[in-house]
C-alpha atoms as a PDB file:
ATOM      1  CA  UNK A   1     -54.967  15.355  89.792  1.00  0.00           C
ATOM      2  CA  UNK A   2     -53.142  12.817  91.983  1.00  0.00           C
ATOM      3  CA  UNK A   3     -54.129  10.022  89.596  1.00  0.00           C
ATOM      4  CA  UNK A   4     -52.646  11.961  86.665  1.00  0.00           C
ATOM      5  CA  UNK A   5     -49.366  12.567  88.495  1.00  0.00           C
ATOM      6  CA  UNK A   6     -49.185   8.915  89.504  1.00  0.00           C
ATOM      7  CA  UNK A   7     -49.895   7.818  85.935  1.00  0.00           C
ATOM      8  CA  UNK A   8     -47.222  10.149  84.534  1.00  0.00           C
ATOM      9  CA  UNK A   9     -44.719   8.934  87.108  1.00  0.00           C
ATOM     10  CA  UNK A  10     -45.356   5.299  86.227  1.00  0.00           C
ATOM     11  CA  UNK A  11     -45.169   6.129  82.515  1.00  0.00           C
ATOM     12  CA  UNK A  12     -41.814   7.866  83.001  1.00  0.00           C
ATOM     13  CA  UNK A  13     -40.393   4.855  84.862  1.00  0.00           C
ATOM     14  CA  UNK A  14     -41.638   2.476  82.168  1.00  0.00           C
ATOM     15  CA  UNK A  15     -40.105   4.585  79.413  1.00  0.00           C
ATOM     16  CA  UNK A  16     -36.741   4.580  81.160  1.00  0.00           C
ATOM     17  CA  UNK A  17     -36.879   0.815  81.618  1.00  0.00           C
ATOM     18  CA  UNK A  18     -38.310  -0.152  78.226  1.00  0.00           C
ATOM     19  CA  UNK A  19     -36.909   2.328  75.694  1.00  0.00           C
ATOM     20  CA  UNK A  20     -33.243   1.600  74.939  1.00  0.00           C
ATOM     21  CA  UNK A  21     -30.714   4.391  74.955  1.00  0.00           C
ATOM     22  CA  UNK A  22     -30.241   5.234  71.270  1.00  0.00           C
ATOM     23  CA  UNK A  23     -26.638   6.305  71.925  1.00  0.00           C
ATOM     24  CA  UNK A  24     -25.624   3.015  73.486  1.00  0.00           C
ATOM     25  CA  UNK A  25     -24.597   0.387  70.946  1.00  0.00           C
ATOM     26  CA  UNK A  26     -25.026  -3.189  72.015  1.00  0.00           C
ATOM     27  CA  UNK A  27     -21.752  -4.751  73.066  1.00  0.00           C
ATOM     28  CA  UNK A  28     -20.085  -6.910  70.449  1.00  0.00           C
ATOM     29  CA  UNK A  29     -20.115 -10.603  71.058  1.00  0.00           C
ATOM     30  CA  UNK A  30     -16.748 -12.170  71.877  1.00  0.00           C
ATOM     31  CA  UNK A  31     -16.491 -14.011  68.540  1.00  0.00           C
ATOM     32  CA  UNK A  32     -16.902 -10.788  66.574  1.00  0.00           C
ATOM     33  CA  UNK A  33     -14.478  -8.968  68.840  1.00  0.00           C
ATOM     34  CA  UNK A  34     -11.872 -11.720  68.250  1.00  0.00           C
ATOM     35  CA  UNK A  35     -12.562 -11.590  64.504  1.00  0.00           C
ATOM     36  CA  UNK A  36     -12.057  -7.803  64.506  1.00  0.00           C
ATOM     37  CA  UNK A  37      -8.791  -8.155  66.395  1.00  0.00           C
ATOM     38  CA  UNK A  38      -7.575 -10.928  64.075  1.00  0.00           C
ATOM     39  CA  UNK A  39      -8.518  -9.361  60.732  1.00  0.00           C
ATOM     40  CA  UNK A  40      -8.891  -5.613  61.229  1.00  0.00           C
ATOM     41  CA  UNK A  41      -7.261  -4.172  64.341  1.00  0.00           C
ATOM     42  CA  UNK A  42      -3.666  -4.337  63.088  1.00  0.00           C
ATOM     43  CA  UNK A  43      -4.488  -1.456  60.735  1.00  0.00           C
ATOM     44  CA  UNK A  44      -7.749   0.049  62.009  1.00  0.00           C
ATOM     45  CA  UNK A  45      -6.896  -0.242  65.712  1.00  0.00           C
ATOM     46  CA  UNK A  46      -8.866  -1.932  68.466  1.00  0.00           C
ATOM     47  CA  UNK A  47     -11.191   1.083  68.727  1.00  0.00           C
ATOM     48  CA  UNK A  48     -11.280   1.802  64.974  1.00  0.00           C
ATOM     49  CA  UNK A  49      -9.328   5.039  65.294  1.00  0.00           C
ATOM     50  CA  UNK A  50      -6.560   3.924  62.875  1.00  0.00           C
ATOM     51  CA  UNK A  51      -4.061   4.913  65.547  1.00  0.00           C
ATOM     52  CA  UNK A  52      -1.789   2.000  64.680  1.00  0.00           C
ATOM     53  CA  UNK A  53       1.538   2.311  62.886  1.00  0.00           C
ATOM     54  CA  UNK A  54       0.025   0.808  59.733  1.00  0.00           C
ATOM     55  CA  UNK A  55      -3.116   2.924  60.026  1.00  0.00           C
ATOM     56  CA  UNK A  56      -1.014   6.089  60.215  1.00  0.00           C
ATOM     57  CA  UNK A  57       1.201   5.046  57.289  1.00  0.00           C
ATOM     58  CA  UNK A  58      -1.861   4.424  55.123  1.00  0.00           C
ATOM     59  CA  UNK A  59      -3.700   7.509  56.457  1.00  0.00           C
ATOM     60  CA  UNK A  60      -6.791   5.437  57.275  1.00  0.00           C
ATOM     61  CA  UNK A  61      -9.918   7.198  58.503  1.00  0.00           C
ATOM     62  CA  UNK A  62     -11.132   7.096  62.094  1.00  0.00           C
ATOM     63  CA  UNK A  63     -14.021   4.614  61.841  1.00  0.00           C
ATOM     64  CA  UNK A  64     -15.373   5.822  65.177  1.00  0.00           C
ATOM     65  CA  UNK A  65     -15.878   9.415  64.023  1.00  0.00           C
ATOM     66  CA  UNK A  66     -19.433  10.640  63.586  1.00  0.00           C
ATOM     67  CA  UNK A  67     -18.575  12.111  60.173  1.00  0.00           C
ATOM     68  CA  UNK A  68     -17.205   8.808  58.848  1.00  0.00           C
ATOM     69  CA  UNK A  69     -20.103   6.837  60.310  1.00  0.00           C
ATOM     70  CA  UNK A  70     -22.631   9.178  58.695  1.00  0.00           C
ATOM     71  CA  UNK A  71     -20.907   9.246  55.296  1.00  0.00           C
ATOM     72  CA  UNK A  72     -20.305   5.501  54.998  1.00  0.00           C
ATOM     73  CA  UNK A  73     -23.077   3.044  54.191  1.00  0.00           C
ATOM     74  CA  UNK A  74     -23.262  -0.534  55.376  1.00  0.00           C
ATOM     75  CA  UNK A  75     -23.098  -1.614  51.716  1.00  0.00           C
ATOM     76  CA  UNK A  76     -19.812   0.219  51.280  1.00  0.00           C
ATOM     77  CA  UNK A  77     -18.363  -1.386  54.407  1.00  0.00           C
ATOM     78  CA  UNK A  78     -19.547  -4.796  53.160  1.00  0.00           C
ATOM     79  CA  UNK A  79     -17.997  -4.219  49.729  1.00  0.00           C
ATOM     80  CA  UNK A  80     -14.652  -3.224  51.210  1.00  0.00           C
ATOM     81  CA  UNK A  81     -14.584  -6.211  53.554  1.00  0.00           C
ATOM     82  CA  UNK A  82     -15.441  -8.633  50.769  1.00  0.00           C
ATOM     83  CA  UNK A  83     -13.486  -7.100  47.874  1.00  0.00           C
ATOM     84  CA  UNK A  84     -10.702  -5.245  49.619  1.00  0.00           C
ATOM     85  CA  UNK A  85      -9.383  -1.787  48.839  1.00  0.00           C
ATOM     86  CA  UNK A  86      -6.653  -0.626  46.475  1.00  0.00           C
ATOM     87  CA  UNK A  87      -6.150   3.104  46.027  1.00  0.00           C
ATOM     88  CA  UNK A  88      -3.750   5.972  46.400  1.00  0.00           C
ATOM     89  CA  UNK A  89      -4.379   8.332  49.294  1.00  0.00           C
ATOM     90  CA  UNK A  90      -2.166  11.292  50.080  1.00  0.00           C
ATOM     91  CA  UNK A  91       0.496   9.839  47.812  1.00  0.00           C
ATOM     92  CA  UNK A  92       0.446   6.545  49.697  1.00  0.00           C
ATOM     93  CA  UNK A  93      -0.735   3.171  48.501  1.00  0.00           C
ATOM     94  CA  UNK A  94      -3.657   1.932  50.571  1.00  0.00           C
ATOM     95  CA  UNK A  95      -4.409  -1.753  50.227  1.00  0.00           C
ATOM     96  CA  UNK A  96      -6.692  -4.016  52.178  1.00  0.00           C
ATOM     97  CA  UNK A  97      -6.912  -7.650  51.209  1.00  0.00           C
ATOM     98  CA  UNK A  98     -10.342  -9.034  50.278  1.00  0.00           C
ATOM     99  CA  UNK A  99     -11.949 -11.396  52.758  1.00  0.00           C
ATOM    100  CA  UNK A 100     -14.660 -12.851  50.488  1.00  0.00           C
ATOM    101  CA  UNK A 101     -12.978 -16.257  50.519  1.00  0.00           C
ATOM    102  CA  UNK A 102     -12.319 -16.206  54.269  1.00  0.00           C
ATOM    103  CA  UNK A 103     -15.503 -14.910  55.895  1.00  0.00           C
ATOM    104  CA  UNK A 104     -19.059 -16.190  55.993  1.00  0.00           C
ATOM    105  CA  UNK A 105     -21.908 -13.710  55.296  1.00  0.00           C
ATOM    106  CA  UNK A 106     -22.908 -13.690  58.978  1.00  0.00           C
ATOM    107  CA  UNK A 107     -19.314 -12.811  59.949  1.00  0.00           C
ATOM    108  CA  UNK A 108     -19.346  -9.881  57.516  1.00  0.00           C
ATOM    109  CA  UNK A 109     -22.665  -8.687  58.953  1.00  0.00           C
ATOM    110  CA  UNK A 110     -21.236  -9.009  62.470  1.00  0.00           C
ATOM    111  CA  UNK A 111     -18.178  -6.950  61.488  1.00  0.00           C
ATOM    112  CA  UNK A 112     -20.414  -4.251  60.020  1.00  0.00           C
ATOM    113  CA  UNK A 113     -22.289  -4.147  63.326  1.00  0.00           C
ATOM    114  CA  UNK A 114     -18.974  -3.988  65.162  1.00  0.00           C
ATOM    115  CA  UNK A 115     -17.840  -1.038  63.030  1.00  0.00           C
ATOM    116  CA  UNK A 116     -21.126   0.716  63.796  1.00  0.00           C
ATOM    117  CA  UNK A 117     -20.601   0.073  67.518  1.00  0.00           C
ATOM    118  CA  UNK A 118     -17.318   1.998  67.351  1.00  0.00           C
ATOM    119  CA  UNK A 119     -19.185   5.298  66.917  1.00  0.00           C
ATOM    120  CA  UNK A 120     -18.112   7.676  69.627  1.00  0.00           C
END
């Protein structure tokens, strides 16, 4: 009985130490954070909430919302980063310049990871 309790206690400690918290996204590296601030934050906001003047004018979605995160695939994010966006939303023109000629594939992947880390 004591051996079982001891084993379960050790197992619990190991699980806490070894299994990562699924809710905690890894912190973005400084290069990606600077890239986000340079290319994306003026419209999407530092935290992805589109709470900037430009984000409000264009009625951009809150990239940190669980609903947006669930509904949006990595491929869609990649496509929009590379090819830009041009559409009408709520009677407003929404345009995002393409970055396919400015960013390397690993930078695009890093930005996708950064967007995923914004989930609140």
